[in-house]
Amino acid sequence: MRSLGVVLVVALAVTACEGGADEVRGVVVSIEGQLARVTGFELVTDDGARFIFRVDPDGEFDGLPLSHLNEHRLSAEPILVSYEDRGGLVAIAIEDG
């Protein structure tokens, strides 16, 4: 029984040390690039925090194509961005928020 507890503690520690994506919800206020080839965008959260993202070309954007970001910018409908800090914020997935 004690060894099971040790295994669980080690598993939790390893999981906590692994990076992983963070998420933020907000409104798109600007877009870089062209509609068919978005390279970045700026997001503002409800509390006024600003996030500037580059777009991972290998990201998962099937749920919300990058070309759809302009509609969210115009309508001020929020999105949910999964991102990683790679020496700058990089969007790896986007969903309607």
C-alpha atoms as a PDB file:
ATOM      1  CA  MET A   1       0.000   0.000   0.000  1.00  0.00           C
ATOM      2  CA  ARG A   2       2.848   2.373   0.849  1.00  0.00           C
ATOM      3  CA  SER A   3       4.481   1.792  -2.556  1.00  0.00           C
ATOM      4  CA  LEU A   4       1.240   2.789  -4.271  1.00  0.00           C
ATOM      5  CA  GLY A   5       1.308   6.090  -2.376  1.00  0.00           C
ATOM      6  CA  VAL A   6       4.913   6.698  -3.441  1.00  0.00           C
ATOM      7  CA  VAL A   7       4.013   5.952  -7.067  1.00  0.00           C
ATOM      8  CA  LEU A   8       1.097   8.403  -6.921  1.00  0.00           C
ATOM      9  CA  VAL A   9       3.255  11.164  -5.429  1.00  0.00           C
ATOM     10  CA  VAL A  10       5.942  10.640  -8.077  1.00  0.00           C
ATOM     11  CA  ALA A  11       3.335  10.600 -10.865  1.00  0.00           C
ATOM     12  CA  LEU A  12       1.815  13.850  -9.617  1.00  0.00           C
ATOM     13  CA  ALA A  13       5.240  15.485  -9.361  1.00  0.00           C
ATOM     14  CA  VAL A  14       6.144  14.470 -12.900  1.00  0.00           C
ATOM     15  CA  THR A  15       2.808  15.728 -14.217  1.00  0.00           C
ATOM     16  CA  ALA A  16       3.233  19.046 -12.421  1.00  0.00           C
ATOM     17  CA  CYS A  17       6.715  19.522 -13.900  1.00  0.00           C
ATOM     18  CA  GLU A  18       5.605  18.858 -17.456  1.00  0.00           C
ATOM     19  CA  GLY A  19       4.922  22.014 -19.374  1.00  0.00           C
ATOM     20  CA  GLY A  20       1.671  22.049 -21.219  1.00  0.00           C
ATOM     21  CA  ALA A  21      -0.502  24.645 -22.746  1.00  0.00           C
ATOM     22  CA  ASP A  22      -2.092  27.518 -20.888  1.00  0.00           C
ATOM     23  CA  GLU A  23      -5.464  28.961 -21.881  1.00  0.00           C
ATOM     24  CA  VAL A  24      -6.880  32.448 -22.033  1.00  0.00           C
ATOM     25  CA  ARG A  25     -10.305  33.745 -23.071  1.00  0.00           C
ATOM     26  CA  GLY A  26     -10.791  37.137 -24.665  1.00  0.00           C
ATOM     27  CA  VAL A  27     -11.682  39.251 -27.660  1.00  0.00           C
ATOM     28  CA  VAL A  28      -9.556  39.596 -30.797  1.00  0.00           C
ATOM     29  CA  VAL A  29      -8.622  43.247 -31.330  1.00  0.00           C
ATOM     30  CA  SER A  30      -6.115  42.954 -34.177  1.00  0.00           C
ATOM     31  CA  ILE A  31      -4.879  40.410 -36.680  1.00  0.00           C
ATOM     32  CA  GLU A  32      -1.529  40.155 -38.462  1.00  0.00           C
ATOM     33  CA  GLY A  33      -1.230  38.680 -41.922  1.00  0.00           C
ATOM     34  CA  GLN A  34      -3.972  38.025 -44.427  1.00  0.00           C
ATOM     35  CA  LEU A  35      -7.272  36.277 -43.848  1.00  0.00           C
ATOM     36  CA  ALA A  36      -6.062  33.136 -45.598  1.00  0.00           C
ATOM     37  CA  ARG A  37      -2.714  33.261 -43.783  1.00  0.00           C
ATOM     38  CA  VAL A  38      -2.987  34.710 -40.280  1.00  0.00           C
ATOM     39  CA  THR A  39       0.440  34.942 -38.633  1.00  0.00           C
ATOM     40  CA  GLY A  40      -0.544  36.532 -35.327  1.00  0.00           C
ATOM     41  CA  PHE A  41      -3.227  38.341 -33.392  1.00  0.00           C
ATOM     42  CA  GLU A  42      -3.850  40.368 -30.253  1.00  0.00           C
ATOM     43  CA  LEU A  43      -6.385  39.364 -27.620  1.00  0.00           C
ATOM     44  CA  VAL A  44      -7.829  41.413 -24.741  1.00  0.00           C
ATOM     45  CA  THR A  45      -9.369  39.684 -21.719  1.00  0.00           C
ATOM     46  CA  ASP A  46     -12.359  40.891 -19.682  1.00  0.00           C
ATOM     47  CA  ASP A  47     -10.000  42.408 -17.113  1.00  0.00           C
ATOM     48  CA  GLY A  48      -8.089  44.358 -19.792  1.00  0.00           C
ATOM     49  CA  ALA A  49      -4.978  42.153 -20.017  1.00  0.00           C
ATOM     50  CA  ARG A  50      -3.468  42.095 -23.507  1.00  0.00           C
ATOM     51  CA  PHE A  51      -1.906  39.036 -25.102  1.00  0.00           C
ATOM     52  CA  ILE A  52      -0.023  39.097 -28.405  1.00  0.00           C
ATOM     53  CA  PHE A  53       0.216  35.710 -30.097  1.00  0.00           C
ATOM     54  CA  ARG A  54       2.159  34.280 -32.973  1.00  0.00           C
ATOM     55  CA  VAL A  55       0.435  31.343 -34.651  1.00  0.00           C
ATOM     56  CA  ASP A  56       1.969  27.865 -34.641  1.00  0.00           C
ATOM     57  CA  PRO A  57       1.788  26.694 -38.269  1.00  0.00           C
ATOM     58  CA  ASP A  58       1.279  23.146 -36.970  1.00  0.00           C
ATOM     59  CA  GLY A  59      -1.443  24.161 -34.498  1.00  0.00           C
ATOM     60  CA  GLU A  60      -4.908  22.654 -34.279  1.00  0.00           C
ATOM     61  CA  PHE A  61      -7.228  25.224 -35.768  1.00  0.00           C
ATOM     62  CA  ASP A  62      -9.900  22.917 -37.205  1.00  0.00           C
ATOM     63  CA  GLY A  63     -12.457  23.964 -34.581  1.00  0.00           C
ATOM     64  CA  LEU A  64     -12.007  27.624 -35.467  1.00  0.00           C
ATOM     65  CA  PRO A  65     -10.109  28.313 -38.698  1.00  0.00           C
ATOM     66  CA  LEU A  66      -7.734  31.254 -38.484  1.00  0.00           C
ATOM     67  CA  SER A  67      -9.614  32.968 -41.306  1.00  0.00           C
ATOM     68  CA  HIS A  68     -12.623  33.060 -38.934  1.00  0.00           C
ATOM     69  CA  LEU A  69     -10.747  35.293 -36.461  1.00  0.00           C
ATOM     70  CA  ASN A  70     -11.751  38.423 -38.370  1.00  0.00           C
ATOM     71  CA  GLU A  71     -15.433  37.645 -37.764  1.00  0.00           C
ATOM     72  CA  HIS A  72     -14.669  37.404 -34.050  1.00  0.00           C
ATOM     73  CA  ARG A  73     -12.779  40.685 -34.218  1.00  0.00           C
ATOM     74  CA  LEU A  74     -15.717  42.432 -35.887  1.00  0.00           C
ATOM     75  CA  SER A  75     -18.391  40.909 -33.622  1.00  0.00           C
ATOM     76  CA  ALA A  76     -16.337  41.071 -30.390  1.00  0.00           C
ATOM     77  CA  GLU A  77     -17.316  37.458 -29.664  1.00  0.00           C
ATOM     78  CA  PRO A  78     -14.703  35.898 -27.378  1.00  0.00           C
ATOM     79  CA  ILE A  79     -12.418  33.011 -28.243  1.00  0.00           C
ATOM     80  CA  LEU A  80     -10.478  30.553 -26.107  1.00  0.00           C
ATOM     81  CA  VAL A  81      -6.789  30.276 -26.993  1.00  0.00           C
ATOM     82  CA  SER A  82      -4.516  27.430 -25.922  1.00  0.00           C
ATOM     83  CA  TYR A  83      -0.931  28.642 -26.018  1.00  0.00           C
ATOM     84  CA  GLU A  84       2.647  27.972 -25.033  1.00  0.00           C
ATOM     85  CA  ASP A  85       5.383  30.397 -24.070  1.00  0.00           C
ATOM     86  CA  ARG A  86       8.254  29.770 -26.477  1.00  0.00           C
ATOM     87  CA  GLY A  87      10.124  32.982 -25.841  1.00  0.00           C
ATOM     88  CA  GLY A  88       6.893  34.644 -26.951  1.00  0.00           C
ATOM     89  CA  LEU A  89       3.288  33.480 -26.826  1.00  0.00           C
ATOM     90  CA  VAL A  90       2.388  30.946 -29.508  1.00  0.00           C
ATOM     91  CA  ALA A  91      -1.235  29.963 -30.154  1.00  0.00           C
ATOM     92  CA  ILE A  92      -1.518  26.227 -30.651  1.00  0.00           C
ATOM     93  CA  ALA A  93      -5.327  25.878 -30.684  1.00  0.00           C
ATOM     94  CA  ILE A  94      -8.321  28.214 -30.830  1.00  0.00           C
ATOM     95  CA  GLU A  95     -11.998  27.595 -30.055  1.00  0.00           C
ATOM     96  CA  ASP A  96     -15.145  29.680 -29.858  1.00  0.00           C
ATOM     97  CA  GLY A  97     -15.169  31.079 -26.351  1.00  0.00           C
END
